Amino acid sequence: MDAYVLGTAALLASGLFVCGAVAVRTYWLLPWLRSRTVRPEMWGYGAMLSSAGLLLQMTYGPVTVFHNSETVDSAAFITGMLLMIAGAWFQLLASRHPLGK
């Protein structure tokens, strides 16, 4: 992956992480998310999980620390994918009303 593309994508994923942290701390959401998000704190945790998974998958390939170990490659891929799926699930649940209310 080209360094410019990797840097731009990492900057965007880091921005998503910051938006999630702000949502967790202050309950503030981006304007286009305010009408449909019921629980901003849960959305923030989902955004942070998704961006952490994306950053893990993007940076592990170009930055090889363990000299292309297949086990670590597979573990990083699976961990990143699970983080992104969990983040998407949290963001989906953030747009639903809690049960019993």
PDB file of N, CA and C in Angstrom:
ATOM      1  N   MET A   1       0.840  -1.163   0.000  1.00  0.00           N
ATOM      2  CA  MET A   1       0.000   0.000   0.000  1.00  0.00           C
ATOM      3  C   MET A   1       0.893   1.237   0.000  1.00  0.00           C
ATOM      4  N   ASP A   2       0.529   2.194  -0.787  1.00  0.00           N
ATOM      5  CA  ASP A   2       1.302   3.410  -0.886  1.00  0.00           C
ATOM      6  C   ASP A   2       1.257   4.171   0.436  1.00  0.00           C
ATOM      7  N   ALA A   3       2.329   4.828   0.772  1.00  0.00           N
ATOM      8  CA  ALA A   3       2.419   5.516   2.060  1.00  0.00           C
ATOM      9  C   ALA A   3       1.401   6.642   2.171  1.00  0.00           C
ATOM     10  N   TYR A   4       1.097   7.327   1.066  1.00  0.00           N
ATOM     11  CA  TYR A   4       0.123   8.414   1.125  1.00  0.00           C
ATOM     12  C   TYR A   4      -1.277   7.878   1.398  1.00  0.00           C
ATOM     13  N   VAL A   5      -1.619   6.783   0.767  1.00  0.00           N
ATOM     14  CA  VAL A   5      -2.941   6.185   0.982  1.00  0.00           C
ATOM     15  C   VAL A   5      -3.056   5.673   2.412  1.00  0.00           C
ATOM     16  N   LEU A   6      -2.016   5.021   2.889  1.00  0.00           N
ATOM     17  CA  LEU A   6      -2.029   4.512   4.257  1.00  0.00           C
ATOM     18  C   LEU A   6      -2.122   5.650   5.273  1.00  0.00           C
ATOM     19  N   GLY A   7      -1.376   6.710   5.049  1.00  0.00           N
ATOM     20  CA  GLY A   7      -1.422   7.852   5.959  1.00  0.00           C
ATOM     21  C   GLY A   7      -2.773   8.538   5.975  1.00  0.00           C
ATOM     22  N   THR A   8      -3.386   8.696   4.802  1.00  0.00           N
ATOM     23  CA  THR A   8      -4.704   9.320   4.722  1.00  0.00           C
ATOM     24  C   THR A   8      -5.757   8.459   5.403  1.00  0.00           C
ATOM     25  N   ALA A   9      -5.734   7.161   5.143  1.00  0.00           N
ATOM     26  CA  ALA A   9      -6.710   6.269   5.768  1.00  0.00           C
ATOM     27  C   ALA A   9      -6.506   6.208   7.276  1.00  0.00           C
ATOM     28  N   ALA A  10      -5.268   6.209   7.735  1.00  0.00           N
ATOM     29  CA  ALA A  10      -5.000   6.201   9.176  1.00  0.00           C
ATOM     30  C   ALA A  10      -5.478   7.497   9.823  1.00  0.00           C
ATOM     31  N   LEU A  11      -5.335   8.608   9.129  1.00  0.00           N
ATOM     32  CA  LEU A  11      -5.821   9.882   9.650  1.00  0.00           C
ATOM     33  C   LEU A  11      -7.343   9.883   9.768  1.00  0.00           C
ATOM     34  N   LEU A  12      -8.035   9.347   8.764  1.00  0.00           N
ATOM     35  CA  LEU A  12      -9.491   9.276   8.815  1.00  0.00           C
ATOM     36  C   LEU A  12      -9.972   8.327   9.912  1.00  0.00           C
ATOM     37  N   ALA A  13      -9.313   7.178  10.064  1.00  0.00           N
ATOM     38  CA  ALA A  13      -9.698   6.237  11.125  1.00  0.00           C
ATOM     39  C   ALA A  13      -9.424   6.829  12.504  1.00  0.00           C
ATOM     40  N   SER A  14      -8.354   7.590  12.628  1.00  0.00           N
ATOM     41  CA  SER A  14      -8.069   8.262  13.901  1.00  0.00           C
ATOM     42  C   SER A  14      -9.113   9.329  14.191  1.00  0.00           C
ATOM     43  N   GLY A  15      -9.579  10.014  13.160  1.00  0.00           N
ATOM     44  CA  GLY A  15     -10.658  10.980  13.334  1.00  0.00           C
ATOM     45  C   GLY A  15     -11.937  10.333  13.813  1.00  0.00           C
ATOM     46  N   LEU A  16     -12.240   9.141  13.298  1.00  0.00           N
ATOM     47  CA  LEU A  16     -13.405   8.392  13.766  1.00  0.00           C
ATOM     48  C   LEU A  16     -13.238   8.006  15.232  1.00  0.00           C
ATOM     49  N   PHE A  17     -12.027   7.625  15.614  1.00  0.00           N
ATOM     50  CA  PHE A  17     -11.763   7.282  17.005  1.00  0.00           C
ATOM     51  C   PHE A  17     -11.993   8.495  17.910  1.00  0.00           C
ATOM     52  N   VAL A  18     -11.545   9.661  17.475  1.00  0.00           N
ATOM     53  CA  VAL A  18     -11.734  10.890  18.267  1.00  0.00           C
ATOM     54  C   VAL A  18     -13.216  11.237  18.367  1.00  0.00           C
ATOM     55  N   CYS A  19     -13.962  11.102  17.272  1.00  0.00           N
ATOM     56  CA  CYS A  19     -15.412  11.350  17.325  1.00  0.00           C
ATOM     57  C   CYS A  19     -16.094  10.402  18.299  1.00  0.00           C
ATOM     58  N   GLY A  20     -15.655   9.149  18.329  1.00  0.00           N
ATOM     59  CA  GLY A  20     -16.210   8.197  19.279  1.00  0.00           C
ATOM     60  C   GLY A  20     -15.881   8.556  20.710  1.00  0.00           C
ATOM     61  N   ALA A  21     -14.660   8.990  20.953  1.00  0.00           N
ATOM     62  CA  ALA A  21     -14.265   9.379  22.311  1.00  0.00           C
ATOM     63  C   ALA A  21     -15.048  10.603  22.779  1.00  0.00           C
ATOM     64  N   VAL A  22     -15.282  11.557  21.878  1.00  0.00           N
ATOM     65  CA  VAL A  22     -16.074  12.732  22.232  1.00  0.00           C
ATOM     66  C   VAL A  22     -17.517  12.336  22.530  1.00  0.00           C
ATOM     67  N   ALA A  23     -18.063  11.397  21.764  1.00  0.00           N
ATOM     68  CA  ALA A  23     -19.430  10.937  22.007  1.00  0.00           C
ATOM     69  C   ALA A  23     -19.550  10.227  23.350  1.00  0.00           C
ATOM     70  N   VAL A  24     -18.538   9.466  23.728  1.00  0.00           N
ATOM     71  CA  VAL A  24     -18.565   8.763  25.012  1.00  0.00           C
ATOM     72  C   VAL A  24     -18.472   9.763  26.158  1.00  0.00           C
ATOM     73  N   ARG A  25     -17.615  10.736  26.012  1.00  0.00           N
ATOM     74  CA  ARG A  25     -17.352  11.668  27.119  1.00  0.00           C
ATOM     75  C   ARG A  25     -18.421  12.740  27.277  1.00  0.00           C
ATOM     76  N   THR A  26     -18.890  13.311  26.156  1.00  0.00           N
ATOM     77  CA  THR A  26     -19.776  14.470  26.243  1.00  0.00           C
ATOM     78  C   THR A  26     -21.167  14.228  25.652  1.00  0.00           C
ATOM     79  N   TYR A  27     -21.435  13.053  25.076  1.00  0.00           N
ATOM     80  CA  TYR A  27     -22.703  12.725  24.408  1.00  0.00           C
ATOM     81  C   TYR A  27     -22.941  13.601  23.171  1.00  0.00           C
ATOM     82  N   TRP A  28     -21.915  14.210  22.621  1.00  0.00           N
ATOM     83  CA  TRP A  28     -22.047  15.023  21.423  1.00  0.00           C
ATOM     84  C   TRP A  28     -21.850  14.137  20.204  1.00  0.00           C
ATOM     85  N   LEU A  29     -22.730  14.287  19.217  1.00  0.00           N
ATOM     86  CA  LEU A  29     -22.643  13.522  17.971  1.00  0.00           C
ATOM     87  C   LEU A  29     -22.523  14.473  16.789  1.00  0.00           C
ATOM     88  N   LEU A  30     -22.063  13.926  15.687  1.00  0.00           N
ATOM     89  CA  LEU A  30     -22.038  14.687  14.447  1.00  0.00           C
ATOM     90  C   LEU A  30     -23.473  15.031  14.050  1.00  0.00           C
ATOM     91  N   PRO A  31     -23.696  16.169  13.401  1.00  0.00           N
ATOM     92  CA  PRO A  31     -25.067  16.621  13.137  1.00  0.00           C
ATOM     93  C   PRO A  31     -25.932  15.620  12.378  1.00  0.00           C
ATOM     94  N   TRP A  32     -25.391  14.882  11.436  1.00  0.00           N
ATOM     95  CA  TRP A  32     -26.204  13.952  10.658  1.00  0.00           C
ATOM     96  C   TRP A  32     -26.528  12.662  11.415  1.00  0.00           C
ATOM     97  N   LEU A  33     -25.932  12.468  12.582  1.00  0.00           N
ATOM     98  CA  LEU A  33     -26.239  11.283  13.393  1.00  0.00           C
ATOM     99  C   LEU A  33     -27.220  11.570  14.522  1.00  0.00           C
ATOM    100  N   ARG A  34     -27.469  12.827  14.814  1.00  0.00           N
ATOM    101  CA  ARG A  34     -28.261  13.192  15.993  1.00  0.00           C
ATOM    102  C   ARG A  34     -29.711  12.740  15.911  1.00  0.00           C
ATOM    103  N   SER A  35     -30.304  12.737  14.736  1.00  0.00           N
ATOM    104  CA  SER A  35     -31.728  12.417  14.638  1.00  0.00           C
ATOM    105  C   SER A  35     -32.018  10.934  14.831  1.00  0.00           C
ATOM    106  N   ARG A  36     -31.083  10.066  14.496  1.00  0.00           N
ATOM    107  CA  ARG A  36     -31.384   8.636  14.558  1.00  0.00           C
ATOM    108  C   ARG A  36     -30.622   7.872  15.634  1.00  0.00           C
ATOM    109  N   THR A  37     -29.720   8.522  16.343  1.00  0.00           N
ATOM    110  CA  THR A  37     -28.955   7.838  17.382  1.00  0.00           C
ATOM    111  C   THR A  37     -29.597   8.112  18.732  1.00  0.00           C
ATOM    112  N   VAL A  38     -30.025   7.037  19.390  1.00  0.00           N
ATOM    113  CA  VAL A  38     -30.717   7.156  20.679  1.00  0.00           C
ATOM    114  C   VAL A  38     -29.713   7.187  21.830  1.00  0.00           C
ATOM    115  N   ARG A  39     -28.643   6.394  21.715  1.00  0.00           N
ATOM    116  CA  ARG A  39     -27.652   6.302  22.789  1.00  0.00           C
ATOM    117  C   ARG A  39     -26.268   6.692  22.263  1.00  0.00           C
ATOM    118  N   PRO A  40     -25.886   7.958  22.442  1.00  0.00           N
ATOM    119  CA  PRO A  40     -24.609   8.422  21.887  1.00  0.00           C
ATOM    120  C   PRO A  40     -23.394   7.751  22.509  1.00  0.00           C
ATOM    121  N   GLU A  41     -23.479   7.395  23.785  1.00  0.00           N
ATOM    122  CA  GLU A  41     -22.331   6.760  24.428  1.00  0.00           C
ATOM    123  C   GLU A  41     -22.025   5.401  23.789  1.00  0.00           C
ATOM    124  N   MET A  42     -23.070   4.626  23.519  1.00  0.00           N
ATOM    125  CA  MET A  42     -22.868   3.329  22.874  1.00  0.00           C
ATOM    126  C   MET A  42     -22.345   3.504  21.448  1.00  0.00           C
ATOM    127  N   TRP A  43     -22.838   4.533  20.741  1.00  0.00           N
ATOM    128  CA  TRP A  43     -22.332   4.803  19.402  1.00  0.00           C
ATOM    129  C   TRP A  43     -20.845   5.123  19.464  1.00  0.00           C
ATOM    130  N   GLY A  44     -20.437   5.881  20.472  1.00  0.00           N
ATOM    131  CA  GLY A  44     -19.035   6.245  20.617  1.00  0.00           C
ATOM    132  C   GLY A  44     -18.144   5.037  20.843  1.00  0.00           C
ATOM    133  N   TYR A  45     -18.596   4.111  21.704  1.00  0.00           N
ATOM    134  CA  TYR A  45     -17.811   2.893  21.916  1.00  0.00           C
ATOM    135  C   TYR A  45     -17.718   2.074  20.627  1.00  0.00           C
ATOM    136  N   GLY A  46     -18.800   2.022  19.869  1.00  0.00           N
ATOM    137  CA  GLY A  46     -18.768   1.314  18.593  1.00  0.00           C
ATOM    138  C   GLY A  46     -17.827   1.949  17.595  1.00  0.00           C
ATOM    139  N   ALA A  47     -17.814   3.274  17.560  1.00  0.00           N
ATOM    140  CA  ALA A  47     -16.907   3.977  16.648  1.00  0.00           C
ATOM    141  C   ALA A  47     -15.455   3.726  17.033  1.00  0.00           C
ATOM    142  N   MET A  48     -15.178   3.720  18.332  1.00  0.00           N
ATOM    143  CA  MET A  48     -13.794   3.477  18.759  1.00  0.00           C
ATOM    144  C   MET A  48     -13.370   2.045  18.456  1.00  0.00           C
ATOM    145  N   LEU A  49     -14.265   1.070  18.648  1.00  0.00           N
ATOM    146  CA  LEU A  49     -13.921  -0.315  18.321  1.00  0.00           C
ATOM    147  C   LEU A  49     -13.690  -0.486  16.822  1.00  0.00           C
ATOM    148  N   SER A  50     -14.568   0.095  16.019  1.00  0.00           N
ATOM    149  CA  SER A  50     -14.423  -0.026  14.560  1.00  0.00           C
ATOM    150  C   SER A  50     -13.122   0.595  14.072  1.00  0.00           C
ATOM    151  N   SER A  51     -12.817   1.778  14.575  1.00  0.00           N
ATOM    152  CA  SER A  51     -11.600   2.428  14.105  1.00  0.00           C
ATOM    153  C   SER A  51     -10.346   1.724  14.613  1.00  0.00           C
ATOM    154  N   ALA A  52     -10.403   1.152  15.815  1.00  0.00           N
ATOM    155  CA  ALA A  52      -9.247   0.389  16.308  1.00  0.00           C
ATOM    156  C   ALA A  52      -9.012  -0.851  15.447  1.00  0.00           C
ATOM    157  N   GLY A  53     -10.086  -1.538  15.060  1.00  0.00           N
ATOM    158  CA  GLY A  53      -9.938  -2.692  14.181  1.00  0.00           C
ATOM    159  C   GLY A  53      -9.409  -2.318  12.813  1.00  0.00           C
ATOM    160  N   LEU A  54      -9.888  -1.205  12.285  1.00  0.00           N
ATOM    161  CA  LEU A  54      -9.411  -0.744  10.982  1.00  0.00           C
ATOM    162  C   LEU A  54      -7.943  -0.343  11.045  1.00  0.00           C
ATOM    163  N   LEU A  55      -7.566   0.368  12.090  1.00  0.00           N
ATOM    164  CA  LEU A  55      -6.160   0.754  12.238  1.00  0.00           C
ATOM    165  C   LEU A  55      -5.256  -0.465  12.417  1.00  0.00           C
ATOM    166  N   LEU A  56      -5.717  -1.461  13.158  1.00  0.00           N
ATOM    167  CA  LEU A  56      -4.929  -2.683  13.339  1.00  0.00           C
ATOM    168  C   LEU A  56      -4.703  -3.381  12.003  1.00  0.00           C
ATOM    169  N   GLN A  57      -5.756  -3.517  11.209  1.00  0.00           N
ATOM    170  CA  GLN A  57      -5.607  -4.204   9.928  1.00  0.00           C
ATOM    171  C   GLN A  57      -4.776  -3.402   8.936  1.00  0.00           C
ATOM    172  N   MET A  58      -4.902  -2.088   8.963  1.00  0.00           N
ATOM    173  CA  MET A  58      -4.140  -1.270   8.015  1.00  0.00           C
ATOM    174  C   MET A  58      -2.663  -1.232   8.348  1.00  0.00           C
ATOM    175  N   THR A  59      -2.343  -1.104   9.609  1.00  0.00           N
ATOM    176  CA  THR A  59      -0.948  -0.891   9.965  1.00  0.00           C
ATOM    177  C   THR A  59      -0.166  -2.175  10.152  1.00  0.00           C
ATOM    178  N   TYR A  60      -0.813  -3.296  10.398  1.00  0.00           N
ATOM    179  CA  TYR A  60      -0.041  -4.505  10.630  1.00  0.00           C
ATOM    180  C   TYR A  60       0.641  -4.999   9.358  1.00  0.00           C
ATOM    181  N   GLY A  61      -0.033  -4.894   8.207  1.00  0.00           N
ATOM    182  CA  GLY A  61       0.560  -5.372   6.965  1.00  0.00           C
ATOM    183  C   GLY A  61       1.830  -4.633   6.563  1.00  0.00           C
ATOM    184  N   PRO A  62       1.772  -3.296   6.427  1.00  0.00           N
ATOM    185  CA  PRO A  62       2.975  -2.561   6.020  1.00  0.00           C
ATOM    186  C   PRO A  62       4.067  -2.522   7.087  1.00  0.00           C
ATOM    187  N   VAL A  63       3.680  -2.558   8.341  1.00  0.00           N
ATOM    188  CA  VAL A  63       4.665  -2.457   9.422  1.00  0.00           C
ATOM    189  C   VAL A  63       4.851  -3.855  10.003  1.00  0.00           C
ATOM    190  N   THR A  64       5.748  -4.633   9.412  1.00  0.00           N
ATOM    191  CA  THR A  64       5.954  -6.001   9.875  1.00  0.00           C
ATOM    192  C   THR A  64       7.028  -6.011  10.955  1.00  0.00           C
ATOM    193  N   VAL A  65       6.611  -6.322  12.144  1.00  0.00           N
ATOM    194  CA  VAL A  65       7.531  -6.371  13.273  1.00  0.00           C
ATOM    195  C   VAL A  65       7.992  -7.808  13.505  1.00  0.00           C
ATOM    196  N   PHE A  66       7.096  -8.758  13.238  1.00  0.00           N
ATOM    197  CA  PHE A  66       7.391 -10.152  13.549  1.00  0.00           C
ATOM    198  C   PHE A  66       7.855 -10.939  12.331  1.00  0.00           C
ATOM    199  N   HIS A  67       8.315 -10.265  11.305  1.00  0.00           N
ATOM    200  CA  HIS A  67       8.908 -10.893  10.111  1.00  0.00           C
ATOM    201  C   HIS A  67       7.982 -11.916   9.457  1.00  0.00           C
ATOM    202  N   ASN A  68       6.745 -11.483   9.202  1.00  0.00           N
ATOM    203  CA  ASN A  68       5.760 -12.257   8.439  1.00  0.00           C
ATOM    204  C   ASN A  68       5.438 -13.617   9.042  1.00  0.00           C
ATOM    205  N   SER A  69       5.226 -13.667  10.325  1.00  0.00           N
ATOM    206  CA  SER A  69       4.782 -14.890  10.968  1.00  0.00           C
ATOM    207  C   SER A  69       3.319 -15.131  10.589  1.00  0.00           C
ATOM    208  N   GLU A  70       3.019 -16.308  10.053  1.00  0.00           N
ATOM    209  CA  GLU A  70       1.659 -16.601   9.613  1.00  0.00           C
ATOM    210  C   GLU A  70       0.674 -16.601  10.772  1.00  0.00           C
ATOM    211  N   THR A  71       1.103 -17.062  11.928  1.00  0.00           N
ATOM    212  CA  THR A  71       0.219 -17.107  13.086  1.00  0.00           C
ATOM    213  C   THR A  71      -0.159 -15.698  13.532  1.00  0.00           C
ATOM    214  N   VAL A  72       0.813 -14.822  13.604  1.00  0.00           N
ATOM    215  CA  VAL A  72       0.544 -13.447  14.027  1.00  0.00           C
ATOM    216  C   VAL A  72      -0.247 -12.705  12.949  1.00  0.00           C
ATOM    217  N   ASP A  73       0.028 -12.974  11.679  1.00  0.00           N
ATOM    218  CA  ASP A  73      -0.751 -12.372  10.597  1.00  0.00           C
ATOM    219  C   ASP A  73      -2.223 -12.750  10.718  1.00  0.00           C
ATOM    220  N   SER A  74      -2.488 -14.028  10.931  1.00  0.00           N
ATOM    221  CA  SER A  74      -3.868 -14.493  11.067  1.00  0.00           C
ATOM    222  C   SER A  74      -4.534 -13.918  12.309  1.00  0.00           C
ATOM    223  N   ALA A  75      -3.811 -13.869  13.404  1.00  0.00           N
ATOM    224  CA  ALA A  75      -4.368 -13.331  14.646  1.00  0.00           C
ATOM    225  C   ALA A  75      -4.687 -11.848  14.502  1.00  0.00           C
ATOM    226  N   ALA A  76      -3.806 -11.087  13.850  1.00  0.00           N
ATOM    227  CA  ALA A  76      -4.068  -9.658  13.645  1.00  0.00           C
ATOM    228  C   ALA A  76      -5.264  -9.453  12.737  1.00  0.00           C
ATOM    229  N   PHE A  77      -5.380 -10.248  11.689  1.00  0.00           N
ATOM    230  CA  PHE A  77      -6.518 -10.134  10.774  1.00  0.00           C
ATOM    231  C   PHE A  77      -7.824 -10.452  11.489  1.00  0.00           C
ATOM    232  N   ILE A  78      -7.860 -11.560  12.212  1.00  0.00           N
ATOM    233  CA  ILE A  78      -9.087 -11.970  12.898  1.00  0.00           C
ATOM    234  C   ILE A  78      -9.452 -10.979  13.996  1.00  0.00           C
ATOM    235  N   THR A  79      -8.468 -10.507  14.749  1.00  0.00           N
ATOM    236  CA  THR A  79      -8.738  -9.544  15.809  1.00  0.00           C
ATOM    237  C   THR A  79      -9.281  -8.239  15.231  1.00  0.00           C
ATOM    238  N   GLY A  80      -8.683  -7.760  14.163  1.00  0.00           N
ATOM    239  CA  GLY A  80      -9.177  -6.543  13.525  1.00  0.00           C
ATOM    240  C   GLY A  80     -10.592  -6.701  13.001  1.00  0.00           C
ATOM    241  N   MET A  81     -10.864  -7.850  12.392  1.00  0.00           N
ATOM    242  CA  MET A  81     -12.201  -8.092  11.859  1.00  0.00           C
ATOM    243  C   MET A  81     -13.234  -8.175  12.980  1.00  0.00           C
ATOM    244  N   LEU A  82     -12.897  -8.849  14.073  1.00  0.00           N
ATOM    245  CA  LEU A  82     -13.821  -8.948  15.204  1.00  0.00           C
ATOM    246  C   LEU A  82     -14.061  -7.580  15.853  1.00  0.00           C
ATOM    247  N   LEU A  83     -13.033  -6.755  15.929  1.00  0.00           N
ATOM    248  CA  LEU A  83     -13.220  -5.409  16.465  1.00  0.00           C
ATOM    249  C   LEU A  83     -14.156  -4.586  15.587  1.00  0.00           C
ATOM    250  N   MET A  84     -14.005  -4.692  14.272  1.00  0.00           N
ATOM    251  CA  MET A  84     -14.885  -3.945  13.379  1.00  0.00           C
ATOM    252  C   MET A  84     -16.320  -4.451  13.440  1.00  0.00           C
ATOM    253  N   ILE A  85     -16.505  -5.762  13.553  1.00  0.00           N
ATOM    254  CA  ILE A  85     -17.857  -6.313  13.655  1.00  0.00           C
ATOM    255  C   ILE A  85     -18.503  -5.900  14.972  1.00  0.00           C
ATOM    256  N   ALA A  86     -17.755  -5.965  16.076  1.00  0.00           N
ATOM    257  CA  ALA A  86     -18.297  -5.547  17.365  1.00  0.00           C
ATOM    258  C   ALA A  86     -18.643  -4.059  17.350  1.00  0.00           C
ATOM    259  N   GLY A  87     -17.804  -3.244  16.733  1.00  0.00           N
ATOM    260  CA  GLY A  87     -18.091  -1.817  16.636  1.00  0.00           C
ATOM    261  C   GLY A  87     -19.340  -1.534  15.822  1.00  0.00           C
ATOM    262  N   ALA A  88     -19.498  -2.237  14.710  1.00  0.00           N
ATOM    263  CA  ALA A  88     -20.699  -2.060  13.894  1.00  0.00           C
ATOM    264  C   ALA A  88     -21.946  -2.498  14.664  1.00  0.00           C
ATOM    265  N   TRP A  89     -21.832  -3.558  15.455  1.00  0.00           N
ATOM    266  CA  TRP A  89     -22.960  -4.034  16.255  1.00  0.00           C
ATOM    267  C   TRP A  89     -23.332  -2.993  17.319  1.00  0.00           C
ATOM    268  N   PHE A  90     -22.346  -2.411  17.973  1.00  0.00           N
ATOM    269  CA  PHE A  90     -22.620  -1.374  18.973  1.00  0.00           C
ATOM    270  C   PHE A  90     -23.293  -0.165  18.320  1.00  0.00           C
ATOM    271  N   GLN A  91     -22.828   0.215  17.150  1.00  0.00           N
ATOM    272  CA  GLN A  91     -23.419   1.360  16.469  1.00  0.00           C
ATOM    273  C   GLN A  91     -24.848   1.056  16.020  1.00  0.00           C
ATOM    274  N   LEU A  92     -25.110  -0.180  15.639  1.00  0.00           N
ATOM    275  CA  LEU A  92     -26.477  -0.571  15.290  1.00  0.00           C
ATOM    276  C   LEU A  92     -27.378  -0.516  16.515  1.00  0.00           C
ATOM    277  N   LEU A  93     -26.900  -1.038  17.640  1.00  0.00           N
ATOM    278  CA  LEU A  93     -27.703  -1.014  18.860  1.00  0.00           C
ATOM    279  C   LEU A  93     -27.911   0.408  19.376  1.00  0.00           C
ATOM    280  N   ALA A  94     -27.012   1.306  19.065  1.00  0.00           N
ATOM    281  CA  ALA A  94     -27.141   2.692  19.515  1.00  0.00           C
ATOM    282  C   ALA A  94     -28.318   3.402  18.835  1.00  0.00           C
ATOM    283  N   SER A  95     -28.758   2.894  17.694  1.00  0.00           N
ATOM    284  CA  SER A  95     -29.887   3.508  17.016  1.00  0.00           C
ATOM    285  C   SER A  95     -31.223   2.875  17.386  1.00  0.00           C
ATOM    286  N   ARG A  96     -31.208   1.885  18.256  1.00  0.00           N
ATOM    287  CA  ARG A  96     -32.423   1.224  18.707  1.00  0.00           C
ATOM    288  C   ARG A  96     -32.759   1.666  20.124  1.00  0.00           C
ATOM    289  N   HIS A  97     -34.027   1.726  20.437  1.00  0.00           N
ATOM    290  CA  HIS A  97     -34.430   2.037  21.808  1.00  0.00           C
ATOM    291  C   HIS A  97     -34.166   0.832  22.694  1.00  0.00           C
ATOM    292  N   PRO A  98     -33.781   1.042  23.951  1.00  0.00           N
ATOM    293  CA  PRO A  98     -33.538  -0.078  24.853  1.00  0.00           C
ATOM    294  C   PRO A  98     -34.824  -0.875  25.095  1.00  0.00           C
ATOM    295  N   LEU A  99     -34.678  -2.158  25.340  1.00  0.00           N
ATOM    296  CA  LEU A  99     -35.834  -2.992  25.627  1.00  0.00           C
ATOM    297  C   LEU A  99     -36.443  -2.593  26.961  1.00  0.00           C
ATOM    298  N   GLY A 100     -37.745  -2.652  27.043  1.00  0.00           N
ATOM    299  CA  GLY A 100     -38.435  -2.356  28.289  1.00  0.00           C
ATOM    300  C   GLY A 100     -38.702  -0.882  28.508  1.00  0.00           C
ATOM    301  N   LYS A 101     -38.471  -0.057  27.503  1.00  0.00           N
ATOM    302  CA  LYS A 101     -38.736   1.376  27.664  1.00  0.00           C
ATOM    303  C   LYS A 101     -39.661   1.866  26.582  1.00  0.00           C
TER     304      LYS A 101
END
